[in-house]
Amino acid sequence: MKVLVCHGDANDASSFYRSSGPWAAITRGYPDIRVTFSAAPTVTEAMASDVLFLLRPCQSEAKRLAEAAKHHGVRVWADYDDDLLQVPTDNPNWLFYSRTDVRHNIRWFIENADVVTTSTEALSKAYVNRGGRFPVVVPNAIDNSLLHLRPTQPGQKIVLWRGSPTHDRDVASVADEIVGIAAKHRDWAWAFVGADPVPWACSERIEAAGGKVIRIRAPMSPLQYYQTICALRPLVAMAPLADNAFNRSKSCIAALEASFCGAVCIGRSWDEWTPFCGLCYEDGFFSSSLRYEIARAEDAGIRATLWCEVARTRMLTSANKTRLEVLVGKQGA
């Protein structure tokens, strides 16, 4: 079987978790499945394939390619890991995703692609409610080939936040709590990884309050990123999210990565997050959750329990079994 994967930027986190990463693992493990990767595939390349896989398709070029592929009997598979029809106005990408043509293209894919996959149950339900084709949920997962990177030494008094500037508003929503706790725990450092600039609402205020800040800016490849968080060996991680439809559809990658590098994550009390977080908070309770995790930072048992759940349910080998079922038609259209 021949699969043409339109992956976008191979170093992008979405590509790593949803296209280039999983499909590279499949082509390594299943030589009878021939996978070709392309950032800008042509109609000819699509015609020569059995399946056209598109990550987050939303542009008119992707729609035209998919329409041509379907005319030639090629199965079109659209994959989404965010609710791109509910991007908040304070998100830096809102202007693009609010365009009429982009929204029309997304709706076309969730209604007309032969297969639609999503990263979470919440996102699948959101697309079904808009007339989608009952997407198959393929959760984000940890690549088994990276397990050798996991820290073997005890963790450090570091609270990790990782993300991009799209989460500035999320961090700002709990900035006062973070700064207040940092002022009382000056033996802890606060690491901000990935965003450039570092979330304005926190980092400088923490330093002004006498706290220690570690800033590690993008760009990094996925491998460099995993090496970085494992070298930090944080004991606690935080993933504050404002309560809105867009965030409720998001995957718990931050919690999975936190567990991978030995930290306990504080995340939202939503179904996607609760199995993998030490504490899950509701509005108004982020501060108490963060204080509690810092207080029990030396509890190795909770870290082991959380990692066991990740290893049991969220490894790439498991997620790829679902992808293979979709590929051969056992799931989806």
C-alpha atoms as a PDB file:
ATOM      1  CA  MET A   1       0.000   0.000   0.000  1.00  0.00           C
ATOM      2  CA  LYS A   2       1.261   3.466  -0.908  1.00  0.00           C
ATOM      3  CA  VAL A   3       0.583   6.423   1.406  1.00  0.00           C
ATOM      4  CA  LEU A   4       1.389  10.023   0.523  1.00  0.00           C
ATOM      5  CA  VAL A   5       1.794  12.092   3.702  1.00  0.00           C
ATOM      6  CA  CYS A   6       1.449  15.851   3.453  1.00  0.00           C
ATOM      7  CA  HIS A   7       3.148  16.804   6.695  1.00  0.00           C
ATOM      8  CA  GLY A   8       3.965  20.514   6.586  1.00  0.00           C
ATOM      9  CA  ASP A   9       6.967  21.466   8.715  1.00  0.00           C
ATOM     10  CA  ALA A  10       8.605  18.217   9.844  1.00  0.00           C
ATOM     11  CA  ASN A  11       9.994  19.959  12.965  1.00  0.00           C
ATOM     12  CA  ASP A  12       6.584  21.266  14.002  1.00  0.00           C
ATOM     13  CA  ALA A  13       5.087  19.624  17.090  1.00  0.00           C
ATOM     14  CA  SER A  14       1.853  18.783  15.274  1.00  0.00           C
ATOM     15  CA  SER A  15       3.799  17.061  12.514  1.00  0.00           C
ATOM     16  CA  PHE A  16       5.948  15.184  15.021  1.00  0.00           C
ATOM     17  CA  TYR A  17       2.938  13.833  16.917  1.00  0.00           C
ATOM     18  CA  ARG A  18       0.421  13.514  14.068  1.00  0.00           C
ATOM     19  CA  SER A  19       2.171  12.929  10.724  1.00  0.00           C
ATOM     20  CA  SER A  20       5.936  12.746  10.201  1.00  0.00           C
ATOM     21  CA  GLY A  21       6.541  11.008  13.541  1.00  0.00           C
ATOM     22  CA  PRO A  22       3.841   8.302  13.446  1.00  0.00           C
ATOM     23  CA  TRP A  23       4.174   7.592   9.719  1.00  0.00           C
ATOM     24  CA  ALA A  24       7.961   7.313   9.952  1.00  0.00           C
ATOM     25  CA  ALA A  25       7.472   4.691  12.678  1.00  0.00           C
ATOM     26  CA  ILE A  26       4.953   2.841  10.506  1.00  0.00           C
ATOM     27  CA  THR A  27       7.237   2.755   7.484  1.00  0.00           C
ATOM     28  CA  ARG A  28      10.063   1.408   9.695  1.00  0.00           C
ATOM     29  CA  GLY A  29       7.933  -1.334  11.161  1.00  0.00           C
ATOM     30  CA  TYR A  30       5.829  -2.287   8.130  1.00  0.00           C
ATOM     31  CA  PRO A  31       7.960  -2.407   4.960  1.00  0.00           C
ATOM     32  CA  ASP A  32       4.931  -3.400   2.851  1.00  0.00           C
ATOM     33  CA  ILE A  33       3.495   0.062   3.538  1.00  0.00           C
ATOM     34  CA  ARG A  34       5.352   2.545   1.358  1.00  0.00           C
ATOM     35  CA  VAL A  35       5.149   6.035   2.840  1.00  0.00           C
ATOM     36  CA  THR A  36       6.207   9.136   0.918  1.00  0.00           C
ATOM     37  CA  PHE A  37       6.520  12.466   2.700  1.00  0.00           C
ATOM     38  CA  SER A  38       5.931  15.792   0.988  1.00  0.00           C
ATOM     39  CA  ALA A  39       5.464  19.351   2.206  1.00  0.00           C
ATOM     40  CA  ALA A  40       3.731  20.316  -1.061  1.00  0.00           C
ATOM     41  CA  PRO A  41       2.482  17.212  -2.893  1.00  0.00           C
ATOM     42  CA  THR A  42       1.341  17.402  -6.512  1.00  0.00           C
ATOM     43  CA  VAL A  43      -1.763  15.866  -8.068  1.00  0.00           C
ATOM     44  CA  THR A  44       0.499  13.409  -9.911  1.00  0.00           C
ATOM     45  CA  GLU A  45       2.022  12.242  -6.622  1.00  0.00           C
ATOM     46  CA  ALA A  46      -1.441  11.861  -5.130  1.00  0.00           C
ATOM     47  CA  MET A  47      -2.691   9.889  -8.161  1.00  0.00           C
ATOM     48  CA  ALA A  48       0.190   7.431  -7.719  1.00  0.00           C
ATOM     49  CA  SER A  49      -0.864   6.691  -4.122  1.00  0.00           C
ATOM     50  CA  ASP A  50      -3.569   4.635  -2.471  1.00  0.00           C
ATOM     51  CA  VAL A  51      -4.070   7.059   0.422  1.00  0.00           C
ATOM     52  CA  LEU A  52      -3.517  10.815   0.693  1.00  0.00           C
ATOM     53  CA  PHE A  53      -2.945  11.854   4.323  1.00  0.00           C
ATOM     54  CA  LEU A  54      -3.233  15.577   5.117  1.00  0.00           C
ATOM     55  CA  LEU A  55      -2.400  17.154   8.457  1.00  0.00           C
ATOM     56  CA  ARG A  56      -4.714  20.008   9.484  1.00  0.00           C
ATOM     57  CA  PRO A  57      -5.908  20.662   5.923  1.00  0.00           C
ATOM     58  CA  CYS A  58      -7.472  24.095   5.668  1.00  0.00           C
ATOM     59  CA  GLN A  59      -6.121  25.876   2.593  1.00  0.00           C
ATOM     60  CA  SER A  60      -7.654  25.926  -0.873  1.00  0.00           C
ATOM     61  CA  GLU A  61      -4.624  24.163  -2.384  1.00  0.00           C
ATOM     62  CA  ALA A  62      -5.192  21.215  -0.037  1.00  0.00           C
ATOM     63  CA  LYS A  63      -8.892  21.088  -0.940  1.00  0.00           C
ATOM     64  CA  ARG A  64      -8.143  21.101  -4.679  1.00  0.00           C
ATOM     65  CA  LEU A  65      -5.573  18.330  -4.202  1.00  0.00           C
ATOM     66  CA  ALA A  66      -8.038  16.256  -2.178  1.00  0.00           C
ATOM     67  CA  GLU A  67     -10.819  16.736  -4.726  1.00  0.00           C
ATOM     68  CA  ALA A  68      -8.512  15.600  -7.532  1.00  0.00           C
ATOM     69  CA  ALA A  69      -7.345  12.610  -5.501  1.00  0.00           C
ATOM     70  CA  LYS A  70     -10.931  11.499  -4.808  1.00  0.00           C
ATOM     71  CA  HIS A  71     -11.757  11.706  -8.527  1.00  0.00           C
ATOM     72  CA  HIS A  72      -8.919   9.230  -9.152  1.00  0.00           C
ATOM     73  CA  GLY A  73     -10.076   6.802  -6.466  1.00  0.00           C
ATOM     74  CA  VAL A  74      -7.475   7.785  -3.863  1.00  0.00           C
ATOM     75  CA  ARG A  75      -8.695   7.709  -0.246  1.00  0.00           C
ATOM     76  CA  VAL A  76      -8.390  11.114   1.421  1.00  0.00           C
ATOM     77  CA  TRP A  77      -7.510  11.097   5.120  1.00  0.00           C
ATOM     78  CA  ALA A  78      -7.716  14.397   7.054  1.00  0.00           C
ATOM     79  CA  ASP A  79      -6.214  14.647  10.542  1.00  0.00           C
ATOM     80  CA  TYR A  80      -6.853  17.419  13.085  1.00  0.00           C
ATOM     81  CA  ASP A  81      -5.421  18.009  16.547  1.00  0.00           C
ATOM     82  CA  ASP A  82      -7.156  21.332  17.326  1.00  0.00           C
ATOM     83  CA  ASP A  83     -10.647  22.731  16.855  1.00  0.00           C
ATOM     84  CA  LEU A  84      -9.672  25.120  14.077  1.00  0.00           C
ATOM     85  CA  LEU A  85     -13.252  26.370  13.844  1.00  0.00           C
ATOM     86  CA  GLN A  86     -13.098  27.633  17.452  1.00  0.00           C
ATOM     87  CA  VAL A  87      -9.774  29.506  17.550  1.00  0.00           C
ATOM     88  CA  PRO A  88     -10.098  32.294  20.169  1.00  0.00           C
ATOM     89  CA  THR A  89      -9.728  35.911  19.084  1.00  0.00           C
ATOM     90  CA  ASP A  90      -6.700  36.353  21.371  1.00  0.00           C
ATOM     91  CA  ASN A  91      -4.836  33.528  19.612  1.00  0.00           C
ATOM     92  CA  PRO A  92      -2.114  34.831  17.231  1.00  0.00           C
ATOM     93  CA  ASN A  93      -3.538  32.560  14.499  1.00  0.00           C
ATOM     94  CA  TRP A  94      -7.131  33.763  14.832  1.00  0.00           C
ATOM     95  CA  LEU A  95      -6.955  36.144  11.849  1.00  0.00           C
ATOM     96  CA  PHE A  96      -6.033  33.274   9.515  1.00  0.00           C
ATOM     97  CA  TYR A  97      -8.541  30.751  10.851  1.00  0.00           C
ATOM     98  CA  SER A  98     -11.339  33.317  10.860  1.00  0.00           C
ATOM     99  CA  ARG A  99     -11.117  33.719   7.079  1.00  0.00           C
ATOM    100  CA  THR A 100     -14.238  32.594   5.241  1.00  0.00           C
ATOM    101  CA  ASP A 101     -12.316  30.476   2.728  1.00  0.00           C
ATOM    102  CA  VAL A 102     -10.296  28.710   5.431  1.00  0.00           C
ATOM    103  CA  ARG A 103     -13.414  27.881   7.466  1.00  0.00           C
ATOM    104  CA  HIS A 104     -15.172  26.647   4.319  1.00  0.00           C
ATOM    105  CA  ASN A 105     -12.214  24.375   3.505  1.00  0.00           C
ATOM    106  CA  ILE A 106     -12.105  22.874   7.004  1.00  0.00           C
ATOM    107  CA  ARG A 107     -15.832  22.158   6.878  1.00  0.00           C
ATOM    108  CA  TRP A 108     -15.399  20.533   3.464  1.00  0.00           C
ATOM    109  CA  PHE A 109     -12.749  18.174   4.815  1.00  0.00           C
ATOM    110  CA  ILE A 110     -14.629  17.127   7.944  1.00  0.00           C
ATOM    111  CA  GLU A 111     -17.702  16.451   5.787  1.00  0.00           C
ATOM    112  CA  ASN A 112     -16.100  14.928   2.668  1.00  0.00           C
ATOM    113  CA  ALA A 113     -12.784  13.284   3.504  1.00  0.00           C
ATOM    114  CA  ASP A 114     -12.953   9.491   3.339  1.00  0.00           C
ATOM    115  CA  VAL A 115     -11.430   9.341   6.811  1.00  0.00           C
ATOM    116  CA  VAL A 116     -11.202  12.010   9.510  1.00  0.00           C
ATOM    117  CA  THR A 117      -9.079  11.453  12.604  1.00  0.00           C
ATOM    118  CA  THR A 118      -8.739  13.640  15.669  1.00  0.00           C
ATOM    119  CA  SER A 119      -6.497  13.674  18.725  1.00  0.00           C
ATOM    120  CA  THR A 120      -9.244  13.778  21.378  1.00  0.00           C
ATOM    121  CA  GLU A 121     -12.803  12.645  22.018  1.00  0.00           C
ATOM    122  CA  ALA A 122     -13.839  16.256  22.644  1.00  0.00           C
ATOM    123  CA  LEU A 123     -12.574  17.328  19.225  1.00  0.00           C
ATOM    124  CA  SER A 124     -14.256  14.358  17.548  1.00  0.00           C
ATOM    125  CA  LYS A 125     -17.602  15.269  19.125  1.00  0.00           C
ATOM    126  CA  ALA A 126     -17.184  18.914  18.136  1.00  0.00           C
ATOM    127  CA  TYR A 127     -16.694  17.965  14.492  1.00  0.00           C
ATOM    128  CA  VAL A 128     -19.578  15.494  14.525  1.00  0.00           C
ATOM    129  CA  ASN A 129     -21.823  18.262  15.838  1.00  0.00           C
ATOM    130  CA  ARG A 130     -20.910  20.267  12.745  1.00  0.00           C
ATOM    131  CA  GLY A 131     -21.858  17.523  10.327  1.00  0.00           C
ATOM    132  CA  GLY A 132     -18.540  15.675  10.283  1.00  0.00           C
ATOM    133  CA  ARG A 133     -18.008  12.017   9.333  1.00  0.00           C
ATOM    134  CA  PHE A 134     -17.716  10.537  12.845  1.00  0.00           C
ATOM    135  CA  PRO A 135     -13.957  11.003  13.239  1.00  0.00           C
ATOM    136  CA  VAL A 136     -11.813   8.207  14.596  1.00  0.00           C
ATOM    137  CA  VAL A 137      -9.876   9.257  17.700  1.00  0.00           C
ATOM    138  CA  VAL A 138      -6.144   8.548  17.456  1.00  0.00           C
ATOM    139  CA  PRO A 139      -4.619  10.011  20.629  1.00  0.00           C
ATOM    140  CA  ASN A 140      -1.278  11.720  20.725  1.00  0.00           C
ATOM    141  CA  ALA A 141       1.383   9.425  22.108  1.00  0.00           C
ATOM    142  CA  ILE A 142       5.007   9.147  23.197  1.00  0.00           C
ATOM    143  CA  ASP A 143       7.399   7.734  20.611  1.00  0.00           C
ATOM    144  CA  ASN A 144       8.803   4.469  21.991  1.00  0.00           C
ATOM    145  CA  SER A 145      12.133   5.112  20.294  1.00  0.00           C
ATOM    146  CA  LEU A 146      12.770   8.048  22.679  1.00  0.00           C
ATOM    147  CA  LEU A 147      12.493   6.055  25.908  1.00  0.00           C
ATOM    148  CA  HIS A 148      16.270   5.917  26.307  1.00  0.00           C
ATOM    149  CA  LEU A 149      16.202   9.687  26.976  1.00  0.00           C
ATOM    150  CA  ARG A 150      14.191   9.390  30.201  1.00  0.00           C
ATOM    151  CA  PRO A 151      16.109  10.723  33.244  1.00  0.00           C
ATOM    152  CA  THR A 152      17.683   8.181  35.547  1.00  0.00           C
ATOM    153  CA  GLN A 153      18.698  10.695  38.253  1.00  0.00           C
ATOM    154  CA  PRO A 154      16.395  12.375  40.818  1.00  0.00           C
ATOM    155  CA  GLY A 155      14.437  15.414  39.741  1.00  0.00           C
ATOM    156  CA  GLN A 156      15.305  19.017  40.511  1.00  0.00           C
ATOM    157  CA  LYS A 157      13.312  21.808  42.146  1.00  0.00           C
ATOM    158  CA  ILE A 158      12.079  23.156  38.836  1.00  0.00           C
ATOM    159  CA  VAL A 159       8.558  23.952  37.677  1.00  0.00           C
ATOM    160  CA  LEU A 160       8.301  23.469  33.917  1.00  0.00           C
ATOM    161  CA  TRP A 161       6.030  25.288  31.501  1.00  0.00           C
ATOM    162  CA  ARG A 162       6.297  24.468  27.810  1.00  0.00           C
ATOM    163  CA  GLY A 163       4.412  25.924  24.912  1.00  0.00           C
ATOM    164  CA  SER A 164       4.231  28.571  22.232  1.00  0.00           C
ATOM    165  CA  PRO A 165       3.092  32.229  22.213  1.00  0.00           C
ATOM    166  CA  THR A 166      -0.423  30.961  21.432  1.00  0.00           C
ATOM    167  CA  HIS A 167      -0.676  30.213  25.163  1.00  0.00           C
ATOM    168  CA  ASP A 168       0.171  33.709  26.429  1.00  0.00           C
ATOM    169  CA  ARG A 169      -3.450  34.272  27.446  1.00  0.00           C
ATOM    170  CA  ASP A 170      -3.557  30.925  29.256  1.00  0.00           C
ATOM    171  CA  VAL A 171      -0.477  31.791  31.313  1.00  0.00           C
ATOM    172  CA  ALA A 172      -1.740  35.310  31.937  1.00  0.00           C
ATOM    173  CA  SER A 173      -4.936  33.901  33.429  1.00  0.00           C
ATOM    174  CA  VAL A 174      -2.975  32.476  36.387  1.00  0.00           C
ATOM    175  CA  ALA A 175       0.072  34.764  36.355  1.00  0.00           C
ATOM    176  CA  ASP A 176      -0.670  36.346  39.730  1.00  0.00           C
ATOM    177  CA  GLU A 177      -0.856  32.930  41.395  1.00  0.00           C
ATOM    178  CA  ILE A 178       2.400  31.754  39.802  1.00  0.00           C
ATOM    179  CA  VAL A 179       4.297  34.895  40.772  1.00  0.00           C
ATOM    180  CA  GLY A 180       2.985  34.741  44.336  1.00  0.00           C
ATOM    181  CA  ILE A 181       4.039  31.121  44.770  1.00  0.00           C
ATOM    182  CA  ALA A 182       7.445  31.779  43.186  1.00  0.00           C
ATOM    183  CA  ALA A 183       8.069  34.548  45.730  1.00  0.00           C
ATOM    184  CA  LYS A 184       7.447  32.098  48.587  1.00  0.00           C
ATOM    185  CA  HIS A 185       9.523  29.271  47.099  1.00  0.00           C
ATOM    186  CA  ARG A 186      12.753  30.942  46.068  1.00  0.00           C
ATOM    187  CA  ASP A 187      14.624  27.642  46.176  1.00  0.00           C
ATOM    188  CA  TRP A 188      12.637  26.599  43.104  1.00  0.00           C
ATOM    189  CA  ALA A 189      13.363  27.643  39.524  1.00  0.00           C
ATOM    190  CA  TRP A 190      10.727  28.269  36.882  1.00  0.00           C
ATOM    191  CA  ALA A 191      11.596  26.991  33.418  1.00  0.00           C
ATOM    192  CA  PHE A 192       9.818  28.366  30.332  1.00  0.00           C
ATOM    193  CA  VAL A 193      10.615  26.243  27.304  1.00  0.00           C
ATOM    194  CA  GLY A 194       9.738  26.883  23.679  1.00  0.00           C
ATOM    195  CA  ALA A 195       8.005  30.244  23.543  1.00  0.00           C
ATOM    196  CA  ASP A 196       9.813  33.235  22.080  1.00  0.00           C
ATOM    197  CA  PRO A 197       9.185  35.652  23.651  1.00  0.00           C
ATOM    198  CA  VAL A 198       8.781  33.936  27.007  1.00  0.00           C
ATOM    199  CA  PRO A 199       5.279  34.576  28.446  1.00  0.00           C
ATOM    200  CA  TRP A 200       5.394  38.213  29.452  1.00  0.00           C
ATOM    201  CA  ALA A 201       2.896  37.761  32.243  1.00  0.00           C
ATOM    202  CA  CYS A 202       5.211  35.612  34.356  1.00  0.00           C
ATOM    203  CA  SER A 203       8.917  35.451  33.753  1.00  0.00           C
ATOM    204  CA  GLU A 204       9.976  39.019  34.472  1.00  0.00           C
ATOM    205  CA  ARG A 205       7.600  39.303  37.419  1.00  0.00           C
ATOM    206  CA  ILE A 206       9.015  36.124  38.951  1.00  0.00           C
ATOM    207  CA  GLU A 207      12.519  37.568  38.770  1.00  0.00           C
ATOM    208  CA  ALA A 208      11.306  40.866  40.213  1.00  0.00           C
ATOM    209  CA  ALA A 209       9.872  38.912  43.149  1.00  0.00           C
ATOM    210  CA  GLY A 210      13.253  37.269  43.761  1.00  0.00           C
ATOM    211  CA  GLY A 211      12.573  34.001  41.948  1.00  0.00           C
ATOM    212  CA  LYS A 212      14.789  32.130  39.506  1.00  0.00           C
ATOM    213  CA  VAL A 213      13.811  31.842  35.845  1.00  0.00           C
ATOM    214  CA  ILE A 214      15.201  29.541  33.150  1.00  0.00           C
ATOM    215  CA  ARG A 215      14.389  30.617  29.592  1.00  0.00           C
ATOM    216  CA  ILE A 216      14.911  28.179  26.745  1.00  0.00           C
ATOM    217  CA  ARG A 217      13.615  29.571  23.500  1.00  0.00           C
ATOM    218  CA  ALA A 218      12.607  27.987  20.199  1.00  0.00           C
ATOM    219  CA  PRO A 219      13.390  26.846  17.594  1.00  0.00           C
ATOM    220  CA  MET A 220      14.242  23.277  18.504  1.00  0.00           C
ATOM    221  CA  SER A 221      13.714  19.993  16.744  1.00  0.00           C
ATOM    222  CA  PRO A 222      11.462  17.496  18.580  1.00  0.00           C
ATOM    223  CA  LEU A 223      14.537  15.464  19.555  1.00  0.00           C
ATOM    224  CA  GLN A 224      16.298  18.548  20.943  1.00  0.00           C
ATOM    225  CA  TYR A 225      13.148  19.456  22.841  1.00  0.00           C
ATOM    226  CA  TYR A 226      12.917  16.042  24.519  1.00  0.00           C
ATOM    227  CA  GLN A 227      16.619  16.168  25.346  1.00  0.00           C
ATOM    228  CA  THR A 228      16.120  19.612  26.877  1.00  0.00           C
ATOM    229  CA  ILE A 229      13.232  18.762  29.200  1.00  0.00           C
ATOM    230  CA  CYS A 230      14.924  15.541  30.296  1.00  0.00           C
ATOM    231  CA  ALA A 231      18.142  17.411  31.070  1.00  0.00           C
ATOM    232  CA  LEU A 232      16.142  19.842  33.244  1.00  0.00           C
ATOM    233  CA  ARG A 233      14.610  16.952  35.254  1.00  0.00           C
ATOM    234  CA  PRO A 234      11.752  19.093  36.653  1.00  0.00           C
ATOM    235  CA  LEU A 235       9.731  17.791  39.564  1.00  0.00           C
ATOM    236  CA  VAL A 236       6.597  19.746  38.669  1.00  0.00           C
ATOM    237  CA  ALA A 237       5.057  20.891  35.383  1.00  0.00           C
ATOM    238  CA  MET A 238       2.119  23.196  34.802  1.00  0.00           C
ATOM    239  CA  ALA A 239      -0.264  23.436  31.873  1.00  0.00           C
ATOM    240  CA  PRO A 240      -2.689  26.268  32.623  1.00  0.00           C
ATOM    241  CA  LEU A 241      -5.489  26.572  30.073  1.00  0.00           C
ATOM    242  CA  ALA A 242      -8.267  29.136  29.940  1.00  0.00           C
ATOM    243  CA  ASP A 243     -11.689  27.497  29.851  1.00  0.00           C
ATOM    244  CA  ASN A 244     -12.940  27.806  26.279  1.00  0.00           C
ATOM    245  CA  ALA A 245     -14.104  25.492  23.495  1.00  0.00           C
ATOM    246  CA  PHE A 246     -10.750  25.563  21.733  1.00  0.00           C
ATOM    247  CA  ASN A 247      -8.768  24.484  24.793  1.00  0.00           C
ATOM    248  CA  ARG A 248     -11.310  21.841  25.810  1.00  0.00           C
ATOM    249  CA  SER A 249     -10.594  20.016  22.541  1.00  0.00           C
ATOM    250  CA  LYS A 250      -6.828  20.008  23.057  1.00  0.00           C
ATOM    251  CA  SER A 251      -4.694  16.974  23.675  1.00  0.00           C
ATOM    252  CA  CYS A 252      -2.816  16.461  26.955  1.00  0.00           C
ATOM    253  CA  ILE A 253       0.624  16.414  25.316  1.00  0.00           C
ATOM    254  CA  ALA A 254       2.001  18.663  28.067  1.00  0.00           C
ATOM    255  CA  ALA A 255       1.045  16.089  30.708  1.00  0.00           C
ATOM    256  CA  LEU A 256       2.500  13.199  28.704  1.00  0.00           C
ATOM    257  CA  GLU A 257       5.788  15.044  28.210  1.00  0.00           C
ATOM    258  CA  ALA A 258       5.876  16.020  31.883  1.00  0.00           C
ATOM    259  CA  SER A 259       5.521  12.406  32.958  1.00  0.00           C
ATOM    260  CA  PHE A 260       8.171  11.399  30.413  1.00  0.00           C
ATOM    261  CA  CYS A 261      10.767  13.700  31.992  1.00  0.00           C
ATOM    262  CA  GLY A 262       9.806  12.752  35.557  1.00  0.00           C
ATOM    263  CA  ALA A 263       7.498  15.606  36.525  1.00  0.00           C
ATOM    264  CA  VAL A 264       3.963  15.697  37.892  1.00  0.00           C
ATOM    265  CA  CYS A 265       1.734  17.891  35.762  1.00  0.00           C
ATOM    266  CA  ILE A 266      -1.006  20.239  36.920  1.00  0.00           C
ATOM    267  CA  GLY A 267      -3.689  20.361  34.241  1.00  0.00           C
ATOM    268  CA  ARG A 268      -7.357  20.948  33.697  1.00  0.00           C
ATOM    269  CA  SER A 269     -10.030  18.675  35.170  1.00  0.00           C
ATOM    270  CA  TRP A 270     -11.139  17.564  31.708  1.00  0.00           C
ATOM    271  CA  ASP A 271     -11.478  13.951  30.576  1.00  0.00           C
ATOM    272  CA  GLU A 272      -8.427  14.114  28.291  1.00  0.00           C
ATOM    273  CA  TRP A 273      -6.176  15.303  31.145  1.00  0.00           C
ATOM    274  CA  THR A 274      -7.317  13.637  34.348  1.00  0.00           C
ATOM    275  CA  PRO A 275      -5.610  10.217  33.877  1.00  0.00           C
ATOM    276  CA  PHE A 276      -2.177  11.807  33.404  1.00  0.00           C
ATOM    277  CA  CYS A 277      -2.066  14.726  35.857  1.00  0.00           C
ATOM    278  CA  GLY A 278      -1.132  14.701  39.515  1.00  0.00           C
ATOM    279  CA  LEU A 279      -3.826  17.273  40.209  1.00  0.00           C
ATOM    280  CA  CYS A 280      -6.497  18.641  37.905  1.00  0.00           C
ATOM    281  CA  TYR A 281      -7.875  22.065  38.690  1.00  0.00           C
ATOM    282  CA  GLU A 282     -11.098  23.980  38.167  1.00  0.00           C
ATOM    283  CA  ASP A 283     -11.290  27.743  37.786  1.00  0.00           C
ATOM    284  CA  GLY A 284     -10.026  29.417  40.948  1.00  0.00           C
ATOM    285  CA  PHE A 285      -8.036  26.415  42.183  1.00  0.00           C
ATOM    286  CA  PHE A 286      -4.841  26.560  40.125  1.00  0.00           C
ATOM    287  CA  SER A 287      -2.864  28.176  42.957  1.00  0.00           C
ATOM    288  CA  SER A 288      -3.799  25.563  45.562  1.00  0.00           C
ATOM    289  CA  SER A 289      -2.974  22.755  43.115  1.00  0.00           C
ATOM    290  CA  LEU A 290       0.446  24.214  42.359  1.00  0.00           C
ATOM    291  CA  ARG A 291       1.248  24.715  46.046  1.00  0.00           C
ATOM    292  CA  TYR A 292       0.215  21.136  46.796  1.00  0.00           C
ATOM    293  CA  GLU A 293       2.424  19.654  44.089  1.00  0.00           C
ATOM    294  CA  ILE A 294       5.421  21.669  45.248  1.00  0.00           C
ATOM    295  CA  ALA A 295       4.789  20.457  48.809  1.00  0.00           C
ATOM    296  CA  ARG A 296       4.744  16.785  47.780  1.00  0.00           C
ATOM    297  CA  ALA A 297       7.540  17.112  45.221  1.00  0.00           C
ATOM    298  CA  GLU A 298       9.560  14.287  46.739  1.00  0.00           C
ATOM    299  CA  ASP A 299       6.740  11.730  46.373  1.00  0.00           C
ATOM    300  CA  ALA A 300       8.147   9.321  43.806  1.00  0.00           C
ATOM    301  CA  GLY A 301       5.083   7.101  43.995  1.00  0.00           C
ATOM    302  CA  ILE A 302       2.768   9.503  42.181  1.00  0.00           C
ATOM    303  CA  ARG A 303       5.337   9.925  39.398  1.00  0.00           C
ATOM    304  CA  ALA A 304       5.619   6.180  38.954  1.00  0.00           C
ATOM    305  CA  THR A 305       1.836   5.783  38.908  1.00  0.00           C
ATOM    306  CA  LEU A 306       1.354   8.487  36.287  1.00  0.00           C
ATOM    307  CA  TRP A 307       4.129   7.140  34.080  1.00  0.00           C
ATOM    308  CA  CYS A 308       2.640   3.637  34.271  1.00  0.00           C
ATOM    309  CA  GLU A 309      -0.627   5.038  32.923  1.00  0.00           C
ATOM    310  CA  VAL A 310       1.189   6.831  30.094  1.00  0.00           C
ATOM    311  CA  ALA A 311       3.171   3.696  29.252  1.00  0.00           C
ATOM    312  CA  ARG A 312       0.005   1.595  29.311  1.00  0.00           C
ATOM    313  CA  THR A 313      -2.200   3.806  27.152  1.00  0.00           C
ATOM    314  CA  ARG A 314      -0.250   6.518  25.349  1.00  0.00           C
ATOM    315  CA  MET A 315       2.717   4.986  23.551  1.00  0.00           C
ATOM    316  CA  LEU A 316       3.108   5.375  19.798  1.00  0.00           C
ATOM    317  CA  THR A 317       3.043   1.638  19.146  1.00  0.00           C
ATOM    318  CA  SER A 318      -0.489   1.573  20.551  1.00  0.00           C
ATOM    319  CA  ALA A 319      -1.692   4.678  18.704  1.00  0.00           C
ATOM    320  CA  ASN A 320      -0.251   3.356  15.450  1.00  0.00           C
ATOM    321  CA  LYS A 321      -2.302   0.175  15.768  1.00  0.00           C
ATOM    322  CA  THR A 322      -5.362   2.403  15.423  1.00  0.00           C
ATOM    323  CA  ARG A 323      -3.804   4.178  12.437  1.00  0.00           C
ATOM    324  CA  LEU A 324      -3.173   0.815  10.785  1.00  0.00           C
ATOM    325  CA  GLU A 325      -6.786  -0.209  11.381  1.00  0.00           C
ATOM    326  CA  VAL A 326      -7.904   3.022   9.724  1.00  0.00           C
ATOM    327  CA  LEU A 327      -5.488   2.431   6.868  1.00  0.00           C
ATOM    328  CA  VAL A 328      -6.892  -1.000   6.038  1.00  0.00           C
ATOM    329  CA  GLY A 329     -10.473   0.108   6.482  1.00  0.00           C
ATOM    330  CA  LYS A 330     -11.310  -1.524   9.837  1.00  0.00           C
ATOM    331  CA  GLN A 331     -12.128   1.904  11.290  1.00  0.00           C
ATOM    332  CA  GLY A 332     -13.522   4.978   9.595  1.00  0.00           C
ATOM    333  CA  ALA A 333     -15.135   5.160   6.178  1.00  0.00           C
END
